[in-house]
Amino acid sequence: MLTFKNFNIADWFSFYRIAAAPFLLLILWLGNRELFTWLLLASYCTDMIDGFLARRLKITSPRGSQLDSFGDQITFVVAIIGLLVYEYDFMKEHAFFIILVFVPYIFQMIIAFMKYGKATAFHTYLAKLSAITQAFFILWLLFFGPIYWLFYVMIALGLLETIEEIALIFMYNNWVAGVKGIYWALRDKRRFEKKTVVKNSTN
């Protein structure tokens, strides 16, 4: 049974992003663009902080990686909703490229749940670079307006990162966390572990 003592300081930063999501949606509904953007910036900052703390304090864990990934995903969804509300014309104009990234991402999520019963948490270097680029572009768009060349860089990185995630899913029989990329996966002994039955657990 999980208690408060089971969670470390990095986990609580991830919890912040999850807990902040409904408040961000409320602020979005109230129409306060500036406050929404600043609080979204705070959520993105906690993403950098929890990863840094986990590595620095050597408190990384599969549970923490999964919690971090969930916090990232829910923050991303809220950010996209914010863009649809405040930058609808931009989103409509570039719908093709946005859908181009979303379709493989949804496909990646589906095969991950089919194989592991949950989302991946590889946290590759490419995924981190993609997330930083994405956060910078979204925040800049909300604060000041679009940087078009950065938008296309973000799209390209998102596609490459998703393709890498899909490849890693097929490379690993079991769910694992902390894979730097395909190059490192080729040397990872965890790839050769026998497939285990996915069981729901709160531990």
N, C-alpha and C. Protein backbone atom coordinates (compact mmCIF):
# COMPACT_ATOMS: atom_id res chain seq x y z
N MET A 1 0.84 -1.20 0.00
CA MET A 1 0.00 0.00 0.00
C MET A 1 0.87 1.25 0.00
N LEU A 2 0.59 2.20 -0.90
CA LEU A 2 1.38 3.40 -1.00
C LEU A 2 0.95 4.43 0.04
N THR A 3 1.90 5.11 0.66
CA THR A 3 1.63 6.20 1.58
C THR A 3 2.48 7.40 1.15
N PHE A 4 2.30 8.52 1.83
CA PHE A 4 3.06 9.72 1.50
C PHE A 4 4.57 9.47 1.61
N LYS A 5 4.95 8.57 2.50
CA LYS A 5 6.37 8.29 2.72
C LYS A 5 7.02 7.61 1.52
N ASN A 6 6.19 6.99 0.67
CA ASN A 6 6.72 6.28 -0.48
C ASN A 6 7.17 7.22 -1.61
N PHE A 7 6.74 8.48 -1.55
CA PHE A 7 7.05 9.41 -2.62
C PHE A 7 8.19 10.34 -2.21
N ASN A 8 9.08 10.62 -3.17
CA ASN A 8 10.21 11.51 -2.90
C ASN A 8 9.93 12.90 -3.46
N ILE A 9 10.89 13.80 -3.25
CA ILE A 9 10.68 15.20 -3.64
C ILE A 9 10.48 15.35 -5.14
N ALA A 10 11.15 14.53 -5.95
CA ALA A 10 10.97 14.60 -7.40
C ALA A 10 9.55 14.20 -7.78
N ASP A 11 9.01 13.19 -7.10
CA ASP A 11 7.64 12.75 -7.36
C ASP A 11 6.64 13.88 -7.11
N TRP A 12 6.89 14.67 -6.06
CA TRP A 12 5.94 15.72 -5.71
C TRP A 12 5.93 16.83 -6.74
N PHE A 13 7.05 17.07 -7.42
CA PHE A 13 7.04 18.03 -8.52
C PHE A 13 6.20 17.51 -9.68
N SER A 14 6.25 16.21 -9.90
CA SER A 14 5.39 15.61 -10.92
C SER A 14 3.93 15.71 -10.52
N PHE A 15 3.65 15.49 -9.23
CA PHE A 15 2.29 15.62 -8.73
C PHE A 15 1.77 17.06 -8.94
N TYR A 16 2.67 18.03 -8.80
CA TYR A 16 2.26 19.42 -9.01
C TYR A 16 1.69 19.61 -10.41
N ARG A 17 2.39 19.07 -11.42
CA ARG A 17 1.92 19.24 -12.80
C ARG A 17 0.54 18.61 -13.00
N ILE A 18 0.35 17.46 -12.38
CA ILE A 18 -0.95 16.78 -12.50
C ILE A 18 -2.04 17.57 -11.80
N ALA A 19 -1.74 18.05 -10.57
CA ALA A 19 -2.73 18.80 -9.80
C ALA A 19 -3.01 20.16 -10.41
N ALA A 20 -2.02 20.73 -11.10
CA ALA A 20 -2.19 22.07 -11.69
C ALA A 20 -3.10 22.06 -12.91
N ALA A 21 -3.24 20.90 -13.55
CA ALA A 21 -4.00 20.82 -14.80
C ALA A 21 -5.43 21.34 -14.68
N PRO A 22 -6.23 20.89 -13.70
CA PRO A 22 -7.61 21.41 -13.61
C PRO A 22 -7.66 22.91 -13.33
N PHE A 23 -6.69 23.42 -12.56
CA PHE A 23 -6.66 24.86 -12.29
C PHE A 23 -6.31 25.64 -13.56
N LEU A 24 -5.43 25.10 -14.37
CA LEU A 24 -5.11 25.73 -15.65
C LEU A 24 -6.34 25.76 -16.55
N LEU A 25 -7.09 24.68 -16.56
CA LEU A 25 -8.31 24.64 -17.38
C LEU A 25 -9.35 25.64 -16.86
N LEU A 26 -9.42 25.80 -15.55
CA LEU A 26 -10.34 26.78 -14.97
C LEU A 26 -9.95 28.20 -15.39
N ILE A 27 -8.66 28.50 -15.31
CA ILE A 27 -8.17 29.82 -15.71
C ILE A 27 -8.41 30.03 -17.20
N LEU A 28 -8.25 28.97 -17.96
CA LEU A 28 -8.52 29.03 -19.40
C LEU A 28 -9.99 29.37 -19.65
N TRP A 29 -10.87 28.73 -18.91
CA TRP A 29 -12.30 28.98 -19.03
C TRP A 29 -12.66 30.41 -18.64
N LEU A 30 -11.92 30.96 -17.65
CA LEU A 30 -12.16 32.33 -17.21
C LEU A 30 -11.59 33.36 -18.19
N GLY A 31 -10.74 32.89 -19.10
CA GLY A 31 -10.23 33.76 -20.15
C GLY A 31 -9.03 34.61 -19.78
N ASN A 32 -8.29 34.19 -18.76
CA ASN A 32 -7.10 34.96 -18.35
C ASN A 32 -5.86 34.37 -19.02
N ARG A 33 -5.56 34.86 -20.20
CA ARG A 33 -4.45 34.31 -20.99
C ARG A 33 -3.10 34.48 -20.30
N GLU A 34 -2.87 35.64 -19.73
CA GLU A 34 -1.56 35.91 -19.11
C GLU A 34 -1.31 34.99 -17.92
N LEU A 35 -2.29 34.85 -17.05
CA LEU A 35 -2.13 33.97 -15.89
C LEU A 35 -1.98 32.52 -16.32
N PHE A 36 -2.77 32.10 -17.30
CA PHE A 36 -2.66 30.75 -17.84
C PHE A 36 -1.25 30.47 -18.33
N THR A 37 -0.68 31.42 -19.07
CA THR A 37 0.65 31.22 -19.65
C THR A 37 1.72 31.15 -18.58
N TRP A 38 1.63 32.01 -17.57
CA TRP A 38 2.63 31.99 -16.49
C TRP A 38 2.56 30.69 -15.69
N LEU A 39 1.35 30.21 -15.42
CA LEU A 39 1.22 28.96 -14.68
C LEU A 39 1.63 27.75 -15.53
N LEU A 40 1.41 27.84 -16.85
CA LEU A 40 1.91 26.80 -17.74
C LEU A 40 3.43 26.78 -17.73
N LEU A 41 4.03 27.96 -17.70
CA LEU A 41 5.49 28.06 -17.57
C LEU A 41 5.97 27.40 -16.28
N ALA A 42 5.25 27.61 -15.19
CA ALA A 42 5.61 26.98 -13.91
C ALA A 42 5.55 25.46 -14.01
N SER A 43 4.53 24.95 -14.69
CA SER A 43 4.42 23.50 -14.87
C SER A 43 5.59 22.94 -15.67
N TYR A 44 5.95 23.64 -16.74
CA TYR A 44 7.09 23.19 -17.55
C TYR A 44 8.39 23.24 -16.73
N CYS A 45 8.52 24.24 -15.86
CA CYS A 45 9.72 24.34 -15.02
C CYS A 45 9.83 23.17 -14.05
N THR A 46 8.69 22.73 -13.51
CA THR A 46 8.73 21.59 -12.58
C THR A 46 9.18 20.32 -13.29
N ASP A 47 8.91 20.25 -14.60
CA ASP A 47 9.36 19.09 -15.37
C ASP A 47 10.88 19.02 -15.40
N MET A 48 11.52 20.17 -15.55
CA MET A 48 12.99 20.20 -15.54
C MET A 48 13.54 19.94 -14.15
N ILE A 49 12.84 20.46 -13.14
CA ILE A 49 13.32 20.33 -11.77
C ILE A 49 13.26 18.89 -11.28
N ASP A 50 12.13 18.20 -11.53
CA ASP A 50 12.00 16.84 -10.98
C ASP A 50 13.02 15.88 -11.59
N GLY A 51 13.29 16.03 -12.90
CA GLY A 51 14.29 15.17 -13.52
C GLY A 51 15.68 15.44 -12.98
N PHE A 52 15.99 16.73 -12.79
CA PHE A 52 17.30 17.10 -12.26
C PHE A 52 17.48 16.56 -10.84
N LEU A 53 16.44 16.72 -10.00
CA LEU A 53 16.53 16.25 -8.62
C LEU A 53 16.67 14.73 -8.55
N ALA A 54 15.90 14.05 -9.38
CA ALA A 54 15.94 12.58 -9.37
C ALA A 54 17.33 12.07 -9.71
N ARG A 55 17.97 12.70 -10.71
CA ARG A 55 19.32 12.27 -11.09
C ARG A 55 20.36 12.71 -10.07
N ARG A 56 20.24 13.94 -9.58
CA ARG A 56 21.22 14.49 -8.65
C ARG A 56 21.20 13.76 -7.31
N LEU A 57 19.99 13.45 -6.84
CA LEU A 57 19.84 12.78 -5.54
C LEU A 57 19.81 11.26 -5.67
N LYS A 58 19.93 10.78 -6.92
CA LYS A 58 19.93 9.35 -7.20
C LYS A 58 18.68 8.66 -6.64
N ILE A 59 17.53 9.26 -6.96
CA ILE A 59 16.25 8.71 -6.49
C ILE A 59 15.36 8.35 -7.68
N THR A 60 15.99 8.04 -8.80
CA THR A 60 15.21 7.63 -9.97
C THR A 60 14.58 6.26 -9.71
N SER A 61 13.41 6.05 -10.28
CA SER A 61 12.71 4.78 -10.12
C SER A 61 11.72 4.62 -11.27
N PRO A 62 11.34 3.38 -11.60
CA PRO A 62 10.33 3.18 -12.64
C PRO A 62 9.03 3.90 -12.34
N ARG A 63 8.61 3.89 -11.07
CA ARG A 63 7.37 4.59 -10.70
C ARG A 63 7.51 6.09 -10.93
N GLY A 64 8.67 6.64 -10.55
CA GLY A 64 8.91 8.06 -10.74
C GLY A 64 8.94 8.44 -12.21
N SER A 65 9.53 7.57 -13.04
CA SER A 65 9.58 7.82 -14.49
C SER A 65 8.18 7.83 -15.08
N GLN A 66 7.36 6.89 -14.63
CA GLN A 66 5.99 6.80 -15.14
C GLN A 66 5.17 8.01 -14.69
N LEU A 67 5.36 8.42 -13.45
CA LEU A 67 4.66 9.58 -12.91
C LEU A 67 5.07 10.85 -13.66
N ASP A 68 6.36 10.96 -13.93
CA ASP A 68 6.89 12.10 -14.68
C ASP A 68 6.28 12.14 -16.07
N SER A 69 6.22 10.99 -16.73
CA SER A 69 5.65 10.93 -18.08
C SER A 69 4.17 11.32 -18.08
N PHE A 70 3.43 10.87 -17.07
CA PHE A 70 2.01 11.22 -16.99
C PHE A 70 1.84 12.72 -16.79
N GLY A 71 2.69 13.30 -15.93
CA GLY A 71 2.65 14.74 -15.72
C GLY A 71 2.95 15.50 -16.99
N ASP A 72 3.93 15.00 -17.77
CA ASP A 72 4.26 15.63 -19.05
C ASP A 72 3.08 15.56 -20.01
N GLN A 73 2.45 14.41 -20.09
CA GLN A 73 1.35 14.21 -21.04
C GLN A 73 0.16 15.10 -20.72
N ILE A 74 -0.18 15.19 -19.44
CA ILE A 74 -1.35 15.99 -19.07
C ILE A 74 -1.06 17.48 -19.25
N THR A 75 0.18 17.89 -19.01
CA THR A 75 0.57 19.29 -19.24
C THR A 75 0.51 19.61 -20.72
N PHE A 76 0.96 18.67 -21.55
CA PHE A 76 0.92 18.86 -22.99
C PHE A 76 -0.52 19.01 -23.49
N VAL A 77 -1.42 18.18 -22.98
CA VAL A 77 -2.83 18.25 -23.38
C VAL A 77 -3.41 19.60 -23.01
N VAL A 78 -3.12 20.08 -21.80
CA VAL A 78 -3.63 21.38 -21.36
C VAL A 78 -3.06 22.49 -22.24
N ALA A 79 -1.77 22.39 -22.59
CA ALA A 79 -1.14 23.40 -23.44
C ALA A 79 -1.81 23.45 -24.81
N ILE A 80 -2.11 22.28 -25.37
CA ILE A 80 -2.76 22.23 -26.68
C ILE A 80 -4.16 22.84 -26.61
N ILE A 81 -4.88 22.56 -25.54
CA ILE A 81 -6.21 23.17 -25.36
C ILE A 81 -6.08 24.69 -25.29
N GLY A 82 -5.03 25.14 -24.58
CA GLY A 82 -4.79 26.58 -24.49
C GLY A 82 -4.53 27.20 -25.85
N LEU A 83 -3.75 26.50 -26.68
CA LEU A 83 -3.48 27.01 -28.02
C LEU A 83 -4.74 27.05 -28.88
N LEU A 84 -5.58 26.04 -28.72
CA LEU A 84 -6.84 26.01 -29.47
C LEU A 84 -7.75 27.17 -29.08
N VAL A 85 -7.67 27.59 -27.83
CA VAL A 85 -8.50 28.69 -27.36
C VAL A 85 -7.91 30.04 -27.77
N TYR A 86 -6.59 30.22 -27.51
CA TYR A 86 -5.98 31.54 -27.71
C TYR A 86 -5.30 31.73 -29.06
N GLU A 87 -4.93 30.64 -29.71
CA GLU A 87 -4.25 30.74 -31.00
C GLU A 87 -4.93 29.84 -32.03
N TYR A 88 -6.25 29.93 -32.07
CA TYR A 88 -7.02 29.04 -32.95
C TYR A 88 -6.64 29.23 -34.42
N ASP A 89 -6.46 30.47 -34.85
CA ASP A 89 -6.13 30.74 -36.25
C ASP A 89 -4.80 30.09 -36.64
N PHE A 90 -3.81 30.17 -35.74
CA PHE A 90 -2.51 29.55 -36.01
C PHE A 90 -2.67 28.04 -36.10
N MET A 91 -3.40 27.46 -35.16
CA MET A 91 -3.61 26.02 -35.15
C MET A 91 -4.35 25.55 -36.40
N LYS A 92 -5.35 26.31 -36.82
CA LYS A 92 -6.12 25.95 -38.01
C LYS A 92 -5.24 26.03 -39.26
N GLU A 93 -4.43 27.09 -39.34
CA GLU A 93 -3.56 27.29 -40.50
C GLU A 93 -2.53 26.18 -40.65
N HIS A 94 -2.07 25.64 -39.52
CA HIS A 94 -1.02 24.62 -39.53
C HIS A 94 -1.54 23.26 -39.10
N ALA A 95 -2.83 23.04 -39.31
CA ALA A 95 -3.47 21.79 -38.87
C ALA A 95 -2.83 20.56 -39.49
N PHE A 96 -2.41 20.65 -40.75
CA PHE A 96 -1.82 19.49 -41.42
C PHE A 96 -0.59 18.99 -40.68
N PHE A 97 0.32 19.91 -40.32
CA PHE A 97 1.56 19.52 -39.65
C PHE A 97 1.29 19.02 -38.23
N ILE A 98 0.30 19.62 -37.58
CA ILE A 98 -0.04 19.20 -36.22
C ILE A 98 -0.61 17.79 -36.23
N ILE A 99 -1.50 17.52 -37.18
CA ILE A 99 -2.07 16.17 -37.32
C ILE A 99 -0.99 15.17 -37.72
N LEU A 100 -0.05 15.63 -38.54
CA LEU A 100 1.06 14.78 -38.99
C LEU A 100 1.87 14.24 -37.81
N VAL A 101 1.97 15.03 -36.76
CA VAL A 101 2.69 14.59 -35.56
C VAL A 101 1.78 13.78 -34.64
N PHE A 102 0.52 14.18 -34.54
CA PHE A 102 -0.39 13.53 -33.60
C PHE A 102 -0.73 12.10 -33.98
N VAL A 103 -0.90 11.82 -35.25
CA VAL A 103 -1.30 10.47 -35.67
C VAL A 103 -0.27 9.42 -35.27
N PRO A 104 1.04 9.61 -35.57
CA PRO A 104 2.03 8.62 -35.11
C PRO A 104 2.12 8.55 -33.59
N TYR A 105 1.90 9.70 -32.92
CA TYR A 105 1.95 9.71 -31.45
C TYR A 105 0.84 8.85 -30.86
N ILE A 106 -0.38 8.98 -31.40
CA ILE A 106 -1.50 8.17 -30.95
C ILE A 106 -1.23 6.69 -31.23
N PHE A 107 -0.67 6.41 -32.40
CA PHE A 107 -0.31 5.03 -32.76
C PHE A 107 0.71 4.47 -31.77
N GLN A 108 1.68 5.29 -31.41
CA GLN A 108 2.70 4.86 -30.44
C GLN A 108 2.08 4.55 -29.08
N MET A 109 1.13 5.38 -28.65
CA MET A 109 0.45 5.15 -27.38
C MET A 109 -0.35 3.85 -27.41
N ILE A 110 -1.00 3.59 -28.53
CA ILE A 110 -1.82 2.38 -28.66
C ILE A 110 -0.96 1.13 -28.56
N ILE A 111 0.14 1.08 -29.31
CA ILE A 111 0.97 -0.13 -29.28
C ILE A 111 1.66 -0.30 -27.93
N ALA A 112 1.95 0.82 -27.25
CA ALA A 112 2.55 0.73 -25.91
C ALA A 112 1.56 0.10 -24.93
N PHE A 113 0.31 0.53 -24.97
CA PHE A 113 -0.71 -0.03 -24.07
C PHE A 113 -1.03 -1.47 -24.43
N MET A 114 -0.99 -1.79 -25.71
CA MET A 114 -1.23 -3.17 -26.12
C MET A 114 -0.12 -4.10 -25.65
N LYS A 115 1.11 -3.59 -25.65
CA LYS A 115 2.24 -4.45 -25.29
C LYS A 115 2.55 -4.43 -23.80
N TYR A 116 2.50 -3.23 -23.19
CA TYR A 116 2.91 -3.10 -21.79
C TYR A 116 1.74 -2.85 -20.83
N GLY A 117 0.61 -2.45 -21.36
CA GLY A 117 -0.51 -2.11 -20.49
C GLY A 117 -0.42 -0.70 -19.93
N LYS A 118 0.55 0.08 -20.38
CA LYS A 118 0.72 1.46 -19.93
C LYS A 118 1.63 2.20 -20.91
N ALA A 119 1.68 3.52 -20.73
CA ALA A 119 2.50 4.35 -21.61
C ALA A 119 3.98 4.11 -21.36
N THR A 120 4.78 4.42 -22.35
CA THR A 120 6.23 4.29 -22.20
C THR A 120 6.79 5.41 -21.32
N ALA A 121 7.99 5.19 -20.82
CA ALA A 121 8.71 6.21 -20.04
C ALA A 121 10.20 6.06 -20.33
N PHE A 122 10.54 6.01 -21.62
CA PHE A 122 11.94 5.82 -21.99
C PHE A 122 12.81 7.03 -21.63
N HIS A 123 12.24 8.23 -21.80
CA HIS A 123 12.96 9.47 -21.51
C HIS A 123 14.28 9.55 -22.28
N THR A 124 14.20 9.35 -23.58
CA THR A 124 15.39 9.40 -24.42
C THR A 124 15.91 10.83 -24.54
N TYR A 125 17.15 10.95 -25.02
CA TYR A 125 17.71 12.28 -25.26
C TYR A 125 16.88 13.04 -26.29
N LEU A 126 16.44 12.32 -27.32
CA LEU A 126 15.64 12.95 -28.37
C LEU A 126 14.30 13.42 -27.82
N ALA A 127 13.71 12.63 -26.92
CA ALA A 127 12.44 13.02 -26.31
C ALA A 127 12.61 14.27 -25.46
N LYS A 128 13.72 14.36 -24.74
CA LYS A 128 13.97 15.53 -23.91
C LYS A 128 14.18 16.77 -24.77
N LEU A 129 14.94 16.63 -25.86
CA LEU A 129 15.16 17.75 -26.76
C LEU A 129 13.85 18.20 -27.40
N SER A 130 13.03 17.24 -27.80
CA SER A 130 11.73 17.54 -28.39
C SER A 130 10.83 18.26 -27.38
N ALA A 131 10.83 17.81 -26.13
CA ALA A 131 10.00 18.42 -25.10
C ALA A 131 10.42 19.85 -24.80
N ILE A 132 11.74 20.10 -24.76
CA ILE A 132 12.25 21.45 -24.50
C ILE A 132 11.85 22.38 -25.64
N THR A 133 12.03 21.91 -26.88
CA THR A 133 11.68 22.71 -28.05
C THR A 133 10.18 23.01 -28.07
N GLN A 134 9.41 22.00 -27.76
CA GLN A 134 7.95 22.14 -27.73
C GLN A 134 7.51 23.15 -26.69
N ALA A 135 8.07 23.04 -25.47
CA ALA A 135 7.70 23.95 -24.39
C ALA A 135 8.08 25.39 -24.74
N PHE A 136 9.28 25.56 -25.29
CA PHE A 136 9.75 26.90 -25.65
C PHE A 136 8.85 27.52 -26.71
N PHE A 137 8.51 26.73 -27.73
CA PHE A 137 7.66 27.26 -28.80
C PHE A 137 6.27 27.63 -28.28
N ILE A 138 5.65 26.75 -27.52
CA ILE A 138 4.29 26.99 -27.02
C ILE A 138 4.26 28.23 -26.14
N LEU A 139 5.22 28.34 -25.23
CA LEU A 139 5.25 29.49 -24.33
C LEU A 139 5.52 30.79 -25.08
N TRP A 140 6.44 30.73 -26.03
CA TRP A 140 6.75 31.94 -26.82
C TRP A 140 5.53 32.36 -27.63
N LEU A 141 4.83 31.38 -28.19
CA LEU A 141 3.62 31.66 -28.97
C LEU A 141 2.56 32.35 -28.11
N LEU A 142 2.38 31.85 -26.89
CA LEU A 142 1.37 32.42 -26.00
C LEU A 142 1.78 33.79 -25.47
N PHE A 143 3.08 33.99 -25.23
CA PHE A 143 3.55 35.26 -24.70
C PHE A 143 3.68 36.34 -25.80
N PHE A 144 4.29 35.95 -26.92
CA PHE A 144 4.70 36.95 -27.91
C PHE A 144 4.17 36.72 -29.32
N GLY A 145 3.93 35.47 -29.68
CA GLY A 145 3.53 35.16 -31.05
C GLY A 145 4.41 34.05 -31.62
N PRO A 146 4.09 33.56 -32.81
CA PRO A 146 4.79 32.39 -33.36
C PRO A 146 6.19 32.69 -33.90
N ILE A 147 7.08 31.71 -33.72
CA ILE A 147 8.38 31.68 -34.41
C ILE A 147 8.25 30.53 -35.41
N TYR A 148 8.09 30.84 -36.67
CA TYR A 148 7.71 29.82 -37.65
C TYR A 148 8.78 28.77 -37.88
N TRP A 149 10.05 29.19 -37.93
CA TRP A 149 11.10 28.19 -38.16
C TRP A 149 11.18 27.22 -36.99
N LEU A 150 10.94 27.73 -35.77
CA LEU A 150 10.97 26.86 -34.58
C LEU A 150 9.80 25.90 -34.60
N PHE A 151 8.68 26.32 -35.14
CA PHE A 151 7.52 25.44 -35.26
C PHE A 151 7.87 24.21 -36.09
N TYR A 152 8.54 24.42 -37.23
CA TYR A 152 8.88 23.30 -38.10
C TYR A 152 9.97 22.41 -37.48
N VAL A 153 10.88 23.03 -36.74
CA VAL A 153 11.87 22.23 -36.00
C VAL A 153 11.16 21.36 -34.97
N MET A 154 10.19 21.94 -34.27
CA MET A 154 9.42 21.20 -33.27
C MET A 154 8.68 20.02 -33.91
N ILE A 155 8.09 20.25 -35.07
CA ILE A 155 7.37 19.19 -35.77
C ILE A 155 8.32 18.05 -36.16
N ALA A 156 9.48 18.42 -36.72
CA ALA A 156 10.46 17.42 -37.14
C ALA A 156 10.96 16.59 -35.95
N LEU A 157 11.29 17.26 -34.85
CA LEU A 157 11.76 16.56 -33.66
C LEU A 157 10.67 15.67 -33.08
N GLY A 158 9.43 16.15 -33.10
CA GLY A 158 8.33 15.34 -32.60
C GLY A 158 8.14 14.06 -33.39
N LEU A 159 8.26 14.17 -34.71
CA LEU A 159 8.15 12.97 -35.56
C LEU A 159 9.28 11.99 -35.29
N LEU A 160 10.51 12.51 -35.26
CA LEU A 160 11.67 11.65 -35.03
C LEU A 160 11.60 10.97 -33.66
N GLU A 161 11.17 11.73 -32.66
CA GLU A 161 11.08 11.17 -31.31
C GLU A 161 10.04 10.07 -31.23
N THR A 162 8.91 10.27 -31.90
CA THR A 162 7.85 9.27 -31.90
C THR A 162 8.28 8.00 -32.63
N ILE A 163 8.96 8.17 -33.76
CA ILE A 163 9.48 7.02 -34.50
C ILE A 163 10.46 6.23 -33.65
N GLU A 164 11.33 6.95 -32.92
CA GLU A 164 12.28 6.27 -32.03
C GLU A 164 11.56 5.52 -30.92
N GLU A 165 10.52 6.13 -30.35
CA GLU A 165 9.74 5.48 -29.29
C GLU A 165 9.12 4.18 -29.80
N ILE A 166 8.56 4.22 -31.00
CA ILE A 166 7.94 3.03 -31.58
C ILE A 166 8.99 1.93 -31.78
N ALA A 167 10.16 2.32 -32.29
CA ALA A 167 11.24 1.35 -32.48
C ALA A 167 11.66 0.72 -31.16
N LEU A 168 11.74 1.53 -30.10
CA LEU A 168 12.14 1.01 -28.80
C LEU A 168 11.09 0.06 -28.22
N ILE A 169 9.83 0.35 -28.48
CA ILE A 169 8.76 -0.56 -28.02
C ILE A 169 8.96 -1.95 -28.61
N PHE A 170 9.31 -2.00 -29.89
CA PHE A 170 9.52 -3.29 -30.54
C PHE A 170 10.84 -3.95 -30.11
N MET A 171 11.76 -3.15 -29.58
CA MET A 171 13.05 -3.68 -29.15
C MET A 171 13.00 -4.29 -27.75
N TYR A 172 12.06 -3.82 -26.92
CA TYR A 172 11.99 -4.29 -25.53
C TYR A 172 10.74 -5.14 -25.32
N ASN A 173 10.94 -6.35 -24.81
CA ASN A 173 9.82 -7.22 -24.50
C ASN A 173 9.01 -6.71 -23.31
N ASN A 174 9.72 -6.15 -22.32
CA ASN A 174 9.09 -5.67 -21.10
C ASN A 174 9.22 -4.16 -20.97
N TRP A 175 8.32 -3.57 -20.21
CA TRP A 175 8.36 -2.13 -19.96
C TRP A 175 9.62 -1.78 -19.17
N VAL A 176 10.34 -0.80 -19.65
CA VAL A 176 11.54 -0.33 -18.95
C VAL A 176 11.53 1.19 -18.96
N ALA A 177 12.29 1.78 -18.05
CA ALA A 177 12.43 3.23 -17.99
C ALA A 177 13.91 3.58 -18.15
N GLY A 178 14.15 4.80 -18.59
CA GLY A 178 15.52 5.28 -18.65
C GLY A 178 16.35 4.70 -19.78
N VAL A 179 15.86 4.84 -21.02
CA VAL A 179 16.62 4.41 -22.20
C VAL A 179 17.03 5.67 -22.96
N LYS A 180 18.30 5.89 -23.13
CA LYS A 180 18.78 7.15 -23.72
C LYS A 180 18.47 7.27 -25.21
N GLY A 181 18.34 6.13 -25.88
CA GLY A 181 18.08 6.15 -27.31
C GLY A 181 18.36 4.79 -27.92
N ILE A 182 18.16 4.68 -29.21
CA ILE A 182 18.35 3.39 -29.90
C ILE A 182 19.78 2.89 -29.77
N TYR A 183 20.76 3.78 -29.90
CA TYR A 183 22.16 3.38 -29.79
C TYR A 183 22.43 2.69 -28.47
N TRP A 184 21.91 3.27 -27.39
CA TRP A 184 22.12 2.70 -26.05
C TRP A 184 21.27 1.45 -25.86
N ALA A 185 20.10 1.41 -26.48
CA ALA A 185 19.23 0.25 -26.37
C ALA A 185 19.88 -1.00 -26.95
N LEU A 186 20.65 -0.83 -28.01
CA LEU A 186 21.33 -1.97 -28.64
C LEU A 186 22.32 -2.64 -27.69
N ARG A 187 22.78 -1.89 -26.69
CA ARG A 187 23.73 -2.43 -25.71
C ARG A 187 23.08 -2.76 -24.38
N ASP A 188 21.78 -2.59 -24.30
CA ASP A 188 21.06 -2.76 -23.04
C ASP A 188 20.65 -4.22 -22.86
N LYS A 189 21.12 -4.84 -21.79
CA LYS A 189 20.80 -6.24 -21.52
C LYS A 189 19.32 -6.47 -21.21
N ARG A 190 18.62 -5.42 -20.82
CA ARG A 190 17.21 -5.56 -20.50
C ARG A 190 16.38 -5.95 -21.73
N ARG A 191 16.93 -5.72 -22.91
CA ARG A 191 16.21 -6.10 -24.14
C ARG A 191 16.01 -7.60 -24.26
N PHE A 192 16.90 -8.34 -23.62
CA PHE A 192 16.89 -9.80 -23.79
C PHE A 192 16.12 -10.52 -22.69
N GLU A 193 15.50 -9.73 -21.78
CA GLU A 193 14.71 -10.35 -20.73
C GLU A 193 13.45 -10.96 -21.31
N LYS A 194 13.05 -12.10 -20.77
CA LYS A 194 11.84 -12.76 -21.25
C LYS A 194 10.62 -11.92 -20.93
N LYS A 195 9.65 -11.98 -21.82
CA LYS A 195 8.44 -11.20 -21.65
C LYS A 195 7.65 -11.69 -20.45
N THR A 196 7.21 -10.74 -19.63
CA THR A 196 6.43 -11.08 -18.44
C THR A 196 5.00 -10.62 -18.65
N VAL A 197 4.08 -11.24 -17.92
CA VAL A 197 2.68 -10.90 -18.01
C VAL A 197 2.45 -9.58 -17.31
N VAL A 198 1.75 -8.65 -17.96
CA VAL A 198 1.47 -7.34 -17.37
C VAL A 198 0.44 -7.49 -16.27
N LYS A 199 0.75 -6.98 -15.08
CA LYS A 199 -0.17 -7.04 -13.97
C LYS A 199 -0.39 -5.63 -13.44
N ASN A 200 -1.61 -5.30 -13.10
CA ASN A 200 -1.89 -4.01 -12.50
C ASN A 200 -1.41 -4.02 -11.06
N SER A 201 -0.66 -2.97 -10.70
CA SER A 201 -0.12 -2.90 -9.34
C SER A 201 -0.03 -1.45 -8.91
N THR A 202 -0.21 -1.21 -7.64
CA THR A 202 -0.08 0.14 -7.10
C THR A 202 1.26 0.33 -6.39
N ASN A 203 2.12 -0.69 -6.45
CA ASN A 203 3.41 -0.61 -5.79
C ASN A 203 4.43 0.07 -6.68
